[in-house]
Every structure is written in C-alpha cells, then in structure tokens.
Amino acid sequence: MPVPVLKEIIRQHAQQAAFLWMIYDRALLFPEENEEMDDLRIARVVEQLEAHLDGLRVAGAEGLAMAEEGYAEYPEAGELFVVRMLQPGSEGLKVVELDLEKVREFLAEQIVESL
C-alpha cells in the first residue's frame, strides 16, 4: 500500500536539503568564514541533511519529482545535489562518505551545461 505523500512537506524536505548541502559544503570549503561551525555543528548539519534526504527517499518518485521541480525552478548546486542523491542506486549513499571533490566537480559541470 503506497504511503500518502504531503506535497508541501516533501517540498520543504527538498528545499531544506538543498540549503543544508550549501551550508555543509561552504563550511568545509571556507572554515575561516564561520569559526563557530565546529565539528559538532557540522555533524548536526549533516544529520539534518540526511534526515531531509531520507524524507524525500521515503516519498519515492514523488520525492524525486519534487526535487527535480525545485532544480528546474532554481538551478543551483544545492538543488542539483538533492536530485543526484535521489537517483536510483544512490539510496545507500551517505553525505560524509562522499568524495567532495568529485561531487563539487560534477555539480559545477552540470550547472555550466544547463546554462
């Protein structure tokens, strides 16, 4: 039996996941910009990011569709990251296990190609 999907909640998961990815990535790239973003705070950001991605994954095709809609509306790295994390075969990926250089390279290439 399919799980009921609340579109506004799914939209919020997609938006928050994109936002948190940007916070996480920026904190790692430029630690001097926000010295309060220590390891504990970064871990909390990752925990929240994973929770939003899980919410989208539970929604299945609806979650992916909402993420794609968000990227179409706002074609930025955070939104693309979320779409990529919801692709088939990405279910087991964890943010802290990603090769961030490869992720950043992929996101930059895709953003440039879409322009």
Protein backbone atom coordinates (compact mmCIF):
# COMPACT_ATOMS: atom_id res chain seq x y z
CA MET A 1 0.00 0.00 0.00
CA PRO A 2 1.54 3.34 -1.04
CA VAL A 3 2.45 5.84 1.63
CA PRO A 4 0.40 9.06 1.43
CA VAL A 5 2.51 11.99 0.30
CA LEU A 6 2.03 15.52 1.57
CA LYS A 7 3.45 17.65 -1.21
CA GLU A 8 4.16 20.70 0.96
CA ILE A 9 6.16 18.57 3.40
CA ILE A 10 8.08 16.98 0.52
CA ARG A 11 8.79 20.44 -0.91
CA GLN A 12 10.15 21.53 2.47
CA HIS A 13 12.39 18.45 2.63
CA ALA A 14 13.79 19.28 -0.83
CA GLN A 15 14.35 22.95 -0.02
CA GLN A 16 15.94 22.27 3.34
CA ALA A 17 18.19 19.53 1.96
CA ALA A 18 19.46 21.88 -0.76
CA PHE A 19 20.05 24.65 1.77
CA LEU A 20 21.83 22.37 4.23
CA TRP A 21 24.07 20.96 1.49
CA MET A 22 25.19 24.51 0.69
CA ILE A 23 25.87 25.24 4.37
CA TYR A 24 27.82 22.00 4.77
CA ASP A 25 29.86 22.44 1.61
CA ARG A 26 30.66 26.08 2.32
CA ALA A 27 31.66 25.31 5.92
CA LEU A 28 34.17 22.76 4.66
CA LEU A 29 35.48 24.94 1.83
CA PHE A 30 35.80 28.14 3.86
CA PRO A 31 36.14 27.29 7.56
CA GLU A 32 37.53 30.75 8.31
CA GLU A 33 34.22 32.39 7.32
CA ASN A 34 32.38 30.95 10.30
CA GLU A 35 34.63 29.82 13.11
CA GLU A 36 31.60 28.75 15.16
CA MET A 37 30.94 25.97 12.64
CA ASP A 38 32.97 23.39 14.53
CA ASP A 39 32.90 19.62 14.05
CA LEU A 40 29.85 19.22 16.28
CA ARG A 41 27.82 21.81 14.37
CA ILE A 42 28.89 20.36 11.03
CA ALA A 43 27.81 16.91 12.25
CA ARG A 44 24.41 18.35 13.18
CA VAL A 45 24.05 19.91 9.73
CA VAL A 46 24.86 16.55 8.15
CA GLU A 47 22.38 14.80 10.43
CA GLN A 48 19.62 17.21 9.40
CA LEU A 49 20.61 16.96 5.74
CA GLU A 50 20.44 13.16 5.88
CA ALA A 51 17.03 13.34 7.57
CA HIS A 52 15.64 15.55 4.80
CA LEU A 53 17.09 13.25 2.13
CA ASP A 54 15.51 10.28 3.93
CA GLY A 55 12.15 12.08 3.91
CA LEU A 56 12.45 12.52 0.16
CA ARG A 57 13.50 8.91 -0.34
CA VAL A 58 10.52 7.65 1.64
CA ALA A 59 8.29 9.65 -0.71
CA GLY A 60 9.79 7.69 -3.63
CA ALA A 61 9.00 9.00 -7.10
CA GLU A 62 7.12 11.95 -5.58
CA GLY A 63 10.24 12.97 -3.66
CA LEU A 64 12.41 12.82 -6.77
CA ALA A 65 9.81 14.72 -8.79
CA MET A 66 9.66 17.46 -6.16
CA ALA A 67 13.46 17.72 -6.09
CA GLU A 68 13.55 17.94 -9.89
CA GLU A 69 10.86 20.60 -9.80
CA GLY A 70 12.95 22.57 -7.31
CA TYR A 71 16.01 22.30 -9.53
CA ALA A 72 14.04 23.38 -12.60
CA GLU A 73 12.80 26.40 -10.66
CA TYR A 74 16.14 27.22 -9.03
CA PRO A 75 19.02 25.54 -10.94
CA GLU A 76 21.72 25.77 -8.29
CA ALA A 77 24.23 23.34 -6.83
CA GLY A 78 22.20 22.54 -3.70
CA GLU A 79 19.09 21.63 -5.66
CA LEU A 80 21.12 19.53 -8.12
CA PHE A 81 22.84 17.78 -5.23
CA VAL A 82 19.45 16.72 -3.87
CA VAL A 83 18.29 15.44 -7.27
CA ARG A 84 21.50 13.46 -7.64
CA MET A 85 21.19 11.93 -4.16
CA LEU A 86 17.72 10.66 -5.06
CA GLN A 87 18.69 8.87 -8.28
CA PRO A 88 18.26 5.08 -8.42
CA GLY A 89 21.35 3.44 -7.00
CA SER A 90 22.06 6.32 -4.60
CA GLU A 91 19.91 5.00 -1.77
CA GLY A 92 22.83 3.92 0.39
CA LEU A 93 24.99 6.99 -0.12
CA LYS A 94 25.80 8.97 2.99
CA VAL A 95 26.90 12.59 2.82
CA VAL A 96 30.00 12.10 4.97
CA GLU A 97 31.18 9.24 2.74
CA LEU A 98 31.07 11.27 -0.48
CA ASP A 99 34.20 12.32 -2.32
CA LEU A 100 33.51 16.05 -2.06
CA GLU A 101 35.94 17.00 -4.81
CA LYS A 102 34.12 14.73 -7.26
CA VAL A 103 30.73 15.96 -6.07
CA ARG A 104 31.75 19.61 -6.50
CA GLU A 105 33.21 18.88 -9.93
CA PHE A 106 30.03 17.08 -11.04
CA LEU A 107 27.76 19.85 -9.76
CA ALA A 108 29.85 22.57 -11.41
CA GLU A 109 29.90 20.72 -14.76
CA GLN A 110 26.15 20.10 -14.72
CA ILE A 111 25.34 23.70 -13.78
CA VAL A 112 27.54 25.03 -16.61
CA GLU A 113 26.00 22.60 -19.12
CA SER A 114 22.49 23.66 -18.17
CA LEU A 115 23.22 27.33 -18.91
